[in-house]
Amino acid sequence: MNTYRPNEFRKLIAKSTHTLQVWDRKGILKAHRSPPTNRRFYTHDQLSEILGIKEKQTRGYQLLPLMKPSLKWAVD
């Protein structure tokens, strides 16, 4: 399972670390916590969900792999 530290995750979704902390407190996007240190981390599933990829995949869309910069979608 891919995991991301808050600083990595915020860059991927173009939000601030503060926004992630607020979302965590409000329950909008709950961060996972590592057991020994209680540090926040996010999963690849959360990244997919926040970017809307899961929703598009459930509607039959597939991400075209070579067109990542613009995230082009195609339907089978």
C-alpha atoms as a PDB file:
ATOM      1  CA  MET A   1       0.000   0.000   0.000  1.00  0.00           C
ATOM      2  CA  ASN A   2       1.399   3.393  -0.974  1.00  0.00           C
ATOM      3  CA  THR A   3       1.361   5.965   1.798  1.00  0.00           C
ATOM      4  CA  TYR A   4       2.095   9.669   1.757  1.00  0.00           C
ATOM      5  CA  ARG A   5       3.234  12.056   4.457  1.00  0.00           C
ATOM      6  CA  PRO A   6       1.072  15.196   4.731  1.00  0.00           C
ATOM      7  CA  ASN A   7       3.696  17.302   2.939  1.00  0.00           C
ATOM      8  CA  GLU A   8       3.784  14.873   0.002  1.00  0.00           C
ATOM      9  CA  PHE A   9       0.011  14.485  -0.094  1.00  0.00           C
ATOM     10  CA  ARG A  10      -0.656  18.236  -0.057  1.00  0.00           C
ATOM     11  CA  LYS A  11       1.541  18.722  -3.104  1.00  0.00           C
ATOM     12  CA  LEU A  12      -0.341  16.015  -4.999  1.00  0.00           C
ATOM     13  CA  ILE A  13      -3.728  17.612  -4.318  1.00  0.00           C
ATOM     14  CA  ALA A  14      -2.568  21.255  -4.418  1.00  0.00           C
ATOM     15  CA  LYS A  15      -3.721  22.104  -0.874  1.00  0.00           C
ATOM     16  CA  SER A  16      -1.844  23.305   2.184  1.00  0.00           C
ATOM     17  CA  THR A  17      -0.802  21.155   5.118  1.00  0.00           C
ATOM     18  CA  HIS A  18      -2.999  23.359   7.286  1.00  0.00           C
ATOM     19  CA  THR A  19      -6.006  22.499   5.097  1.00  0.00           C
ATOM     20  CA  LEU A  20      -5.265  18.792   5.542  1.00  0.00           C
ATOM     21  CA  GLN A  21      -5.133  19.270   9.320  1.00  0.00           C
ATOM     22  CA  VAL A  22      -8.458  21.112   9.297  1.00  0.00           C
ATOM     23  CA  TRP A  23     -10.038  18.420   7.116  1.00  0.00           C
ATOM     24  CA  ASP A  24      -8.726  15.771   9.507  1.00  0.00           C
ATOM     25  CA  ARG A  25     -10.225  17.526  12.552  1.00  0.00           C
ATOM     26  CA  LYS A  26     -13.558  18.098  10.780  1.00  0.00           C
ATOM     27  CA  GLY A  27     -13.717  14.543   9.436  1.00  0.00           C
ATOM     28  CA  ILE A  28     -13.682  15.649   5.797  1.00  0.00           C
ATOM     29  CA  LEU A  29     -10.544  13.639   5.002  1.00  0.00           C
ATOM     30  CA  LYS A  30      -9.393  11.662   8.024  1.00  0.00           C
ATOM     31  CA  ALA A  31      -5.673  10.993   8.144  1.00  0.00           C
ATOM     32  CA  HIS A  32      -4.454   7.608   9.241  1.00  0.00           C
ATOM     33  CA  ARG A  33      -2.099   7.540  12.220  1.00  0.00           C
ATOM     34  CA  SER A  34       1.047   5.467  12.578  1.00  0.00           C
ATOM     35  CA  PRO A  35       0.823   3.452  15.816  1.00  0.00           C
ATOM     36  CA  PRO A  36       4.198   4.131  17.427  1.00  0.00           C
ATOM     37  CA  THR A  37       4.481   7.868  16.652  1.00  0.00           C
ATOM     38  CA  ASN A  38       0.851   8.915  15.991  1.00  0.00           C
ATOM     39  CA  ARG A  39       1.996  10.786  12.863  1.00  0.00           C
ATOM     40  CA  ARG A  40      -0.513  11.469  10.117  1.00  0.00           C
ATOM     41  CA  PHE A  41      -0.308   9.697   6.781  1.00  0.00           C
ATOM     42  CA  TYR A  42      -2.568   9.253   3.774  1.00  0.00           C
ATOM     43  CA  THR A  43      -3.077   6.277   1.468  1.00  0.00           C
ATOM     44  CA  HIS A  44      -3.144   5.944  -2.286  1.00  0.00           C
ATOM     45  CA  ASP A  45      -6.866   5.116  -2.025  1.00  0.00           C
ATOM     46  CA  GLN A  46      -7.435   8.474  -0.334  1.00  0.00           C
ATOM     47  CA  LEU A  47      -5.473  10.196  -3.090  1.00  0.00           C
ATOM     48  CA  SER A  48      -7.577   8.473  -5.728  1.00  0.00           C
ATOM     49  CA  GLU A  49     -10.751   9.401  -3.921  1.00  0.00           C
ATOM     50  CA  ILE A  50      -9.831  13.045  -3.469  1.00  0.00           C
ATOM     51  CA  LEU A  51      -8.871  13.362  -7.129  1.00  0.00           C
ATOM     52  CA  GLY A  52     -12.136  11.764  -8.203  1.00  0.00           C
ATOM     53  CA  ILE A  53     -10.456   8.822  -9.852  1.00  0.00           C
ATOM     54  CA  LYS A  54     -12.492   6.216  -8.030  1.00  0.00           C
ATOM     55  CA  GLU A  55     -15.744   7.887  -9.026  1.00  0.00           C
ATOM     56  CA  LYS A  56     -14.728   7.995 -12.669  1.00  0.00           C
ATOM     57  CA  GLN A  57     -13.559   4.366 -12.580  1.00  0.00           C
ATOM     58  CA  THR A  58     -16.880   3.214 -11.160  1.00  0.00           C
ATOM     59  CA  ARG A  59     -18.589   4.937 -14.096  1.00  0.00           C
ATOM     60  CA  GLY A  60     -16.567   2.893 -16.582  1.00  0.00           C
ATOM     61  CA  TYR A  61     -13.803   5.374 -17.329  1.00  0.00           C
ATOM     62  CA  GLN A  62     -10.161   4.363 -17.594  1.00  0.00           C
ATOM     63  CA  LEU A  63      -7.202   6.661 -17.196  1.00  0.00           C
ATOM     64  CA  LEU A  64      -5.144   6.741 -20.377  1.00  0.00           C
ATOM     65  CA  PRO A  65      -1.651   6.007 -19.048  1.00  0.00           C
ATOM     66  CA  LEU A  66       0.417   8.113 -21.440  1.00  0.00           C
ATOM     67  CA  MET A  67      -1.655  11.254 -20.969  1.00  0.00           C
ATOM     68  CA  LYS A  68      -1.022  11.810 -17.265  1.00  0.00           C
ATOM     69  CA  PRO A  69      -0.321  15.584 -17.323  1.00  0.00           C
ATOM     70  CA  SER A  70      -3.848  16.419 -18.388  1.00  0.00           C
ATOM     71  CA  LEU A  71      -5.468  13.295 -16.862  1.00  0.00           C
ATOM     72  CA  LYS A  72      -7.390  12.371 -20.007  1.00  0.00           C
ATOM     73  CA  TRP A  73     -10.217   9.866 -19.598  1.00  0.00           C
ATOM     74  CA  ALA A  74     -11.698   7.352 -22.000  1.00  0.00           C
ATOM     75  CA  VAL A  75     -14.749   5.128 -21.861  1.00  0.00           C
ATOM     76  CA  ASP A  76     -14.588   1.501 -23.006  1.00  0.00           C
END
